[in-house]
Amino acid sequence: MATPLVVDVRRVVSPITTTEPIEPTFQGSRVAAVLVAVADGEHGAEVLLTRRSMLVGSHKGQVSFPGGRIDEGERVVDAAVREAHEEVGLDRELPEPFGELSHVFTDVSNSYIVPVVAAVVSPLPLQPTSTEVTRAFWVPLTAFASPGVHRVEWWTRGGRSHEMHFYDVADENVWGLTATIITELLALLTPTPHAG
């Protein structure tokens, strides 16, 4: 995988289509947004990640993108930016939202999640500003594509088997929804050979 830059991410990510408040489509579920912040660093495009504290209701101790539940009447983009500000102090004026990745339903937290992709000028040093987060850090996308970093396991839940992705980067184990989003982004950035 060649070293991608934010301009490359812009080129492959679908534009934002979720501009209005959305209603959950699964009974009892709530809509949430995560901010996939990308910035050009020393080794190409980097993404902002956090480690969740043990005080949160779900996904305790897991690596995640900044994000959370959408307030009533709030737009998805605004929620993603707000959550990043609340969790790691990212100035609300800095992210430039430009795209979104596939929406995901997770039955673990009964959430319908919209990943919003936004450009940030540089990988700013950020610190947790909420008890929900214990670490904020940037990881180059190339690190996720390095040999030996990624593995796939098959998990069974509710009688159905599904792929579970894992990445060992930055002294962290990234898995679950966060790994699913990263896997989609890497797939978009990796050219597929044409038959011929």
C-alpha atoms as a PDB file:
ATOM      1  CA  MET A   1       0.000   0.000   0.000  1.00  0.00           C
ATOM      2  CA  ALA A   2       1.480   3.331  -1.063  1.00  0.00           C
ATOM      3  CA  THR A   3       1.526   6.044   1.577  1.00  0.00           C
ATOM      4  CA  PRO A   4      -1.889   7.736   1.301  1.00  0.00           C
ATOM      5  CA  LEU A   5      -2.461  11.400   2.016  1.00  0.00           C
ATOM      6  CA  VAL A   6      -5.662  13.139   3.053  1.00  0.00           C
ATOM      7  CA  VAL A   7      -6.231  14.055  -0.604  1.00  0.00           C
ATOM      8  CA  ASP A   8      -6.275  10.318  -1.406  1.00  0.00           C
ATOM      9  CA  VAL A   9      -8.790   9.666   1.351  1.00  0.00           C
ATOM     10  CA  ARG A  10     -11.007  12.465  -0.008  1.00  0.00           C
ATOM     11  CA  ARG A  11     -10.874  10.852  -3.437  1.00  0.00           C
ATOM     12  CA  VAL A  12     -12.177   7.441  -2.325  1.00  0.00           C
ATOM     13  CA  VAL A  13     -14.650   8.242   0.458  1.00  0.00           C
ATOM     14  CA  SER A  14     -18.298   8.848  -0.429  1.00  0.00           C
ATOM     15  CA  PRO A  15     -19.538  12.401   0.136  1.00  0.00           C
ATOM     16  CA  ILE A  16     -21.722  13.127   3.136  1.00  0.00           C
ATOM     17  CA  THR A  17     -25.338  12.235   2.427  1.00  0.00           C
ATOM     18  CA  THR A  18     -26.640  12.176   5.995  1.00  0.00           C
ATOM     19  CA  THR A  19     -27.421  15.871   6.348  1.00  0.00           C
ATOM     20  CA  GLU A  20     -30.616  15.732   8.390  1.00  0.00           C
ATOM     21  CA  PRO A  21     -31.273  14.177  11.796  1.00  0.00           C
ATOM     22  CA  ILE A  22     -31.986  10.487  11.247  1.00  0.00           C
ATOM     23  CA  GLU A  23     -34.283   8.148  13.097  1.00  0.00           C
ATOM     24  CA  PRO A  24     -33.106   4.698  14.185  1.00  0.00           C
ATOM     25  CA  THR A  25     -34.513   1.865  12.104  1.00  0.00           C
ATOM     26  CA  PHE A  26     -34.011  -0.905  14.671  1.00  0.00           C
ATOM     27  CA  GLN A  27     -36.386  -1.206  17.599  1.00  0.00           C
ATOM     28  CA  GLY A  28     -34.938   0.431  20.692  1.00  0.00           C
ATOM     29  CA  SER A  29     -31.719   1.473  18.959  1.00  0.00           C
ATOM     30  CA  ARG A  30     -30.161   4.914  19.058  1.00  0.00           C
ATOM     31  CA  VAL A  31     -28.233   6.773  16.391  1.00  0.00           C
ATOM     32  CA  ALA A  32     -24.575   7.549  17.087  1.00  0.00           C
ATOM     33  CA  ALA A  33     -21.783   9.206  15.134  1.00  0.00           C
ATOM     34  CA  VAL A  34     -18.022   8.736  15.171  1.00  0.00           C
ATOM     35  CA  LEU A  35     -15.436  11.151  13.797  1.00  0.00           C
ATOM     36  CA  VAL A  36     -12.818   9.575  11.545  1.00  0.00           C
ATOM     37  CA  ALA A  37     -10.392  12.499  11.661  1.00  0.00           C
ATOM     38  CA  VAL A  38      -7.533  12.250   9.139  1.00  0.00           C
ATOM     39  CA  ALA A  39      -4.456  14.471   8.967  1.00  0.00           C
ATOM     40  CA  ASP A  40      -1.226  14.422   6.982  1.00  0.00           C
ATOM     41  CA  GLY A  41       1.634  13.393   9.244  1.00  0.00           C
ATOM     42  CA  GLU A  42       5.235  12.336   8.814  1.00  0.00           C
ATOM     43  CA  HIS A  43       4.179   8.965   7.385  1.00  0.00           C
ATOM     44  CA  GLY A  44       1.178  10.060   5.305  1.00  0.00           C
ATOM     45  CA  ALA A  45      -2.441  10.188   6.406  1.00  0.00           C
ATOM     46  CA  GLU A  46      -3.040   9.435  10.074  1.00  0.00           C
ATOM     47  CA  VAL A  47      -6.277   8.742  11.944  1.00  0.00           C
ATOM     48  CA  LEU A  48      -7.222   9.923  15.426  1.00  0.00           C
ATOM     49  CA  LEU A  49      -8.085   7.166  17.896  1.00  0.00           C
ATOM     50  CA  THR A  50      -8.974   7.029  21.574  1.00  0.00           C
ATOM     51  CA  ARG A  51      -8.965   4.369  24.239  1.00  0.00           C
ATOM     52  CA  ARG A  52     -12.237   4.245  26.158  1.00  0.00           C
ATOM     53  CA  SER A  53     -12.089   4.227  29.939  1.00  0.00           C
ATOM     54  CA  MET A  54     -13.508   1.560  32.217  1.00  0.00           C
ATOM     55  CA  LEU A  55     -16.200   4.020  33.339  1.00  0.00           C
ATOM     56  CA  VAL A  56     -18.248   3.927  30.135  1.00  0.00           C
ATOM     57  CA  GLY A  57     -21.372   1.800  29.786  1.00  0.00           C
ATOM     58  CA  SER A  58     -20.166  -0.319  26.860  1.00  0.00           C
ATOM     59  CA  HIS A  59     -16.946  -1.173  25.011  1.00  0.00           C
ATOM     60  CA  LYS A  60     -14.883  -0.573  28.166  1.00  0.00           C
ATOM     61  CA  GLY A  61     -11.146  -0.193  27.519  1.00  0.00           C
ATOM     62  CA  GLN A  62     -11.505  -0.572  23.757  1.00  0.00           C
ATOM     63  CA  VAL A  63      -9.848   1.588  21.132  1.00  0.00           C
ATOM     64  CA  SER A  64     -12.377   3.678  19.242  1.00  0.00           C
ATOM     65  CA  PHE A  65     -12.916   6.758  17.157  1.00  0.00           C
ATOM     66  CA  PRO A  66     -14.215   9.767  19.091  1.00  0.00           C
ATOM     67  CA  GLY A  67     -17.991   9.620  19.037  1.00  0.00           C
ATOM     68  CA  GLY A  68     -21.241   8.945  20.787  1.00  0.00           C
ATOM     69  CA  ARG A  69     -25.002   9.296  20.792  1.00  0.00           C
ATOM     70  CA  ILE A  70     -26.689  11.995  18.755  1.00  0.00           C
ATOM     71  CA  ASP A  71     -28.751  14.519  20.699  1.00  0.00           C
ATOM     72  CA  GLU A  72     -32.366  15.007  19.679  1.00  0.00           C
ATOM     73  CA  GLY A  73     -32.569  17.046  16.469  1.00  0.00           C
ATOM     74  CA  GLU A  74     -28.781  17.091  16.057  1.00  0.00           C
ATOM     75  CA  ARG A  75     -27.179  16.419  12.686  1.00  0.00           C
ATOM     76  CA  VAL A  76     -24.782  13.479  12.438  1.00  0.00           C
ATOM     77  CA  VAL A  77     -21.838  15.678  11.377  1.00  0.00           C
ATOM     78  CA  ASP A  78     -22.383  18.071  14.275  1.00  0.00           C
ATOM     79  CA  ALA A  79     -22.579  15.193  16.748  1.00  0.00           C
ATOM     80  CA  ALA A  80     -19.316  13.661  15.525  1.00  0.00           C
ATOM     81  CA  VAL A  81     -17.468  16.981  15.832  1.00  0.00           C
ATOM     82  CA  ARG A  82     -19.042  17.731  19.225  1.00  0.00           C
ATOM     83  CA  GLU A  83     -18.055  14.357  20.621  1.00  0.00           C
ATOM     84  CA  ALA A  84     -14.430  14.793  19.493  1.00  0.00           C
ATOM     85  CA  HIS A  85     -14.359  18.165  21.205  1.00  0.00           C
ATOM     86  CA  GLU A  86     -15.828  16.757  24.409  1.00  0.00           C
ATOM     87  CA  GLU A  87     -13.617  13.654  24.511  1.00  0.00           C
ATOM     88  CA  VAL A  88     -10.188  14.956  23.434  1.00  0.00           C
ATOM     89  CA  GLY A  89     -10.512  18.739  23.192  1.00  0.00           C
ATOM     90  CA  LEU A  90     -10.391  18.932  19.392  1.00  0.00           C
ATOM     91  CA  ASP A  91     -11.372  22.505  18.465  1.00  0.00           C
ATOM     92  CA  ARG A  92     -14.803  22.372  16.796  1.00  0.00           C
ATOM     93  CA  GLU A  93     -13.598  24.716  14.039  1.00  0.00           C
ATOM     94  CA  LEU A  94     -10.703  22.499  12.963  1.00  0.00           C
ATOM     95  CA  PRO A  95     -12.288  19.360  11.451  1.00  0.00           C
ATOM     96  CA  GLU A  96     -13.514  19.740   7.873  1.00  0.00           C
ATOM     97  CA  PRO A  97     -16.092  16.969   7.378  1.00  0.00           C
ATOM     98  CA  PHE A  98     -16.116  15.769   3.771  1.00  0.00           C
ATOM     99  CA  GLY A  99     -17.362  12.188   3.656  1.00  0.00           C
ATOM    100  CA  GLU A 100     -18.892   9.210   5.375  1.00  0.00           C
ATOM    101  CA  LEU A 101     -18.279   5.486   5.435  1.00  0.00           C
ATOM    102  CA  SER A 102     -20.778   2.638   5.611  1.00  0.00           C
ATOM    103  CA  HIS A 103     -23.339   2.926   8.397  1.00  0.00           C
ATOM    104  CA  VAL A 104     -23.094   0.076  10.898  1.00  0.00           C
ATOM    105  CA  PHE A 105     -25.564  -1.424  13.348  1.00  0.00           C
ATOM    106  CA  THR A 106     -24.030  -2.961  16.452  1.00  0.00           C
ATOM    107  CA  ASP A 107     -26.255  -5.016  18.706  1.00  0.00           C
ATOM    108  CA  VAL A 108     -23.699  -4.914  21.548  1.00  0.00           C
ATOM    109  CA  SER A 109     -24.699  -1.319  22.344  1.00  0.00           C
ATOM    110  CA  ASN A 110     -27.855  -1.373  20.182  1.00  0.00           C
ATOM    111  CA  SER A 111     -26.559   1.557  18.133  1.00  0.00           C
ATOM    112  CA  TYR A 112     -26.868   2.643  14.514  1.00  0.00           C
ATOM    113  CA  ILE A 113     -23.500   4.296  13.834  1.00  0.00           C
ATOM    114  CA  VAL A 114     -22.530   6.755  11.099  1.00  0.00           C
ATOM    115  CA  PRO A 115     -18.758   7.233  10.563  1.00  0.00           C
ATOM    116  CA  VAL A 116     -18.091  10.844   9.488  1.00  0.00           C
ATOM    117  CA  VAL A 117     -14.716  11.444   7.809  1.00  0.00           C
ATOM    118  CA  ALA A 118     -13.100  14.835   8.334  1.00  0.00           C
ATOM    119  CA  ALA A 119      -9.787  16.471   7.439  1.00  0.00           C
ATOM    120  CA  VAL A 120      -7.643  18.087  10.109  1.00  0.00           C
ATOM    121  CA  VAL A 121      -4.633  20.225   9.163  1.00  0.00           C
ATOM    122  CA  SER A 122      -2.107  18.185  11.172  1.00  0.00           C
ATOM    123  CA  PRO A 123      -2.001  15.409  13.786  1.00  0.00           C
ATOM    124  CA  LEU A 124      -2.399  17.792  16.723  1.00  0.00           C
ATOM    125  CA  PRO A 125      -1.300  16.634  20.174  1.00  0.00           C
ATOM    126  CA  LEU A 126      -4.539  15.918  22.032  1.00  0.00           C
ATOM    127  CA  GLN A 127      -5.335  14.743  25.542  1.00  0.00           C
ATOM    128  CA  PRO A 128      -8.435  13.161  27.066  1.00  0.00           C
ATOM    129  CA  THR A 129     -10.843  15.823  28.300  1.00  0.00           C
ATOM    130  CA  SER A 130     -13.533  13.443  29.496  1.00  0.00           C
ATOM    131  CA  THR A 131     -13.722  10.568  31.959  1.00  0.00           C
ATOM    132  CA  GLU A 132     -14.903   8.463  29.001  1.00  0.00           C
ATOM    133  CA  VAL A 133     -11.407   8.452  27.462  1.00  0.00           C
ATOM    134  CA  THR A 134      -7.972   7.498  28.842  1.00  0.00           C
ATOM    135  CA  ARG A 135      -5.804   8.034  25.748  1.00  0.00           C
ATOM    136  CA  ALA A 136      -5.847  10.030  22.493  1.00  0.00           C
ATOM    137  CA  PHE A 137      -3.369   9.163  19.738  1.00  0.00           C
ATOM    138  CA  TRP A 138      -2.763   9.299  15.980  1.00  0.00           C
ATOM    139  CA  VAL A 139      -1.860   6.251  13.874  1.00  0.00           C
ATOM    140  CA  PRO A 140      -0.638   6.336  10.250  1.00  0.00           C
ATOM    141  CA  LEU A 141      -2.900   4.364   7.939  1.00  0.00           C
ATOM    142  CA  THR A 142       0.196   2.583   6.632  1.00  0.00           C
ATOM    143  CA  ALA A 143       0.717   1.103  10.110  1.00  0.00           C
ATOM    144  CA  PHE A 144      -2.555  -0.812   9.766  1.00  0.00           C
ATOM    145  CA  ALA A 145      -1.368  -2.223   6.427  1.00  0.00           C
ATOM    146  CA  SER A 146       2.043  -3.343   7.739  1.00  0.00           C
ATOM    147  CA  PRO A 147       2.819  -7.084   7.616  1.00  0.00           C
ATOM    148  CA  GLY A 148       1.780  -9.024  10.700  1.00  0.00           C
ATOM    149  CA  VAL A 149      -0.427  -6.253  12.099  1.00  0.00           C
ATOM    150  CA  HIS A 150      -3.813  -7.497  10.855  1.00  0.00           C
ATOM    151  CA  ARG A 151      -5.606 -10.747  11.520  1.00  0.00           C
ATOM    152  CA  VAL A 152      -9.154 -12.025  11.046  1.00  0.00           C
ATOM    153  CA  GLU A 153     -11.134 -14.322  13.305  1.00  0.00           C
ATOM    154  CA  TRP A 154     -14.573 -15.819  12.759  1.00  0.00           C
ATOM    155  CA  TRP A 155     -16.951 -15.220  15.643  1.00  0.00           C
ATOM    156  CA  THR A 156     -20.406 -16.703  16.142  1.00  0.00           C
ATOM    157  CA  ARG A 157     -23.189 -14.637  17.699  1.00  0.00           C
ATOM    158  CA  GLY A 158     -26.884 -15.393  17.631  1.00  0.00           C
ATOM    159  CA  GLY A 159     -26.247 -18.446  15.474  1.00  0.00           C
ATOM    160  CA  ARG A 160     -24.495 -16.410  12.763  1.00  0.00           C
ATOM    161  CA  SER A 161     -20.773 -16.326  11.966  1.00  0.00           C
ATOM    162  CA  HIS A 162     -19.077 -13.082  10.993  1.00  0.00           C
ATOM    163  CA  GLU A 163     -15.582 -11.758  10.398  1.00  0.00           C
ATOM    164  CA  MET A 164     -13.870  -9.927  13.246  1.00  0.00           C
ATOM    165  CA  HIS A 165     -10.836  -7.833  12.329  1.00  0.00           C
ATOM    166  CA  PHE A 166      -7.926  -7.138  14.680  1.00  0.00           C
ATOM    167  CA  TYR A 167      -4.981  -4.734  14.315  1.00  0.00           C
ATOM    168  CA  ASP A 168      -2.011  -4.517  16.675  1.00  0.00           C
ATOM    169  CA  VAL A 169      -0.736  -0.933  16.382  1.00  0.00           C
ATOM    170  CA  ALA A 170       0.620   1.796  18.695  1.00  0.00           C
ATOM    171  CA  ASP A 171       0.779  -0.652  21.624  1.00  0.00           C
ATOM    172  CA  GLU A 172      -2.953  -1.218  21.300  1.00  0.00           C
ATOM    173  CA  ASN A 173      -5.233  -3.970  20.035  1.00  0.00           C
ATOM    174  CA  VAL A 174      -7.815  -2.413  17.706  1.00  0.00           C
ATOM    175  CA  TRP A 175     -10.880  -4.544  17.011  1.00  0.00           C
ATOM    176  CA  GLY A 176     -14.654  -4.454  16.767  1.00  0.00           C
ATOM    177  CA  LEU A 177     -16.412  -1.572  15.039  1.00  0.00           C
ATOM    178  CA  THR A 178     -13.239   0.541  14.920  1.00  0.00           C
ATOM    179  CA  ALA A 179     -11.358  -2.209  13.086  1.00  0.00           C
ATOM    180  CA  THR A 180     -14.316  -2.666  10.722  1.00  0.00           C
ATOM    181  CA  ILE A 181     -14.210   1.028   9.794  1.00  0.00           C
ATOM    182  CA  ILE A 182     -10.435   0.956   9.298  1.00  0.00           C
ATOM    183  CA  THR A 183     -10.727  -2.172   7.145  1.00  0.00           C
ATOM    184  CA  GLU A 184     -13.264  -0.439   4.897  1.00  0.00           C
ATOM    185  CA  LEU A 185     -11.057   2.642   4.583  1.00  0.00           C
ATOM    186  CA  LEU A 186      -7.975   0.572   3.726  1.00  0.00           C
ATOM    187  CA  ALA A 187      -9.957  -1.390   1.126  1.00  0.00           C
ATOM    188  CA  LEU A 188     -11.063   1.867  -0.525  1.00  0.00           C
ATOM    189  CA  LEU A 189      -7.459   3.084  -0.644  1.00  0.00           C
ATOM    190  CA  THR A 190      -6.058  -0.155  -2.066  1.00  0.00           C
ATOM    191  CA  PRO A 191      -6.417  -0.376  -5.845  1.00  0.00           C
ATOM    192  CA  THR A 192      -7.882  -3.624  -7.110  1.00  0.00           C
ATOM    193  CA  PRO A 193      -6.310  -5.166 -10.213  1.00  0.00           C
ATOM    194  CA  HIS A 194      -8.411  -5.000 -13.358  1.00  0.00           C
ATOM    195  CA  ALA A 195      -9.162  -8.167 -15.232  1.00  0.00           C
ATOM    196  CA  GLY A 196      -7.966  -8.181 -18.764  1.00  0.00           C
END
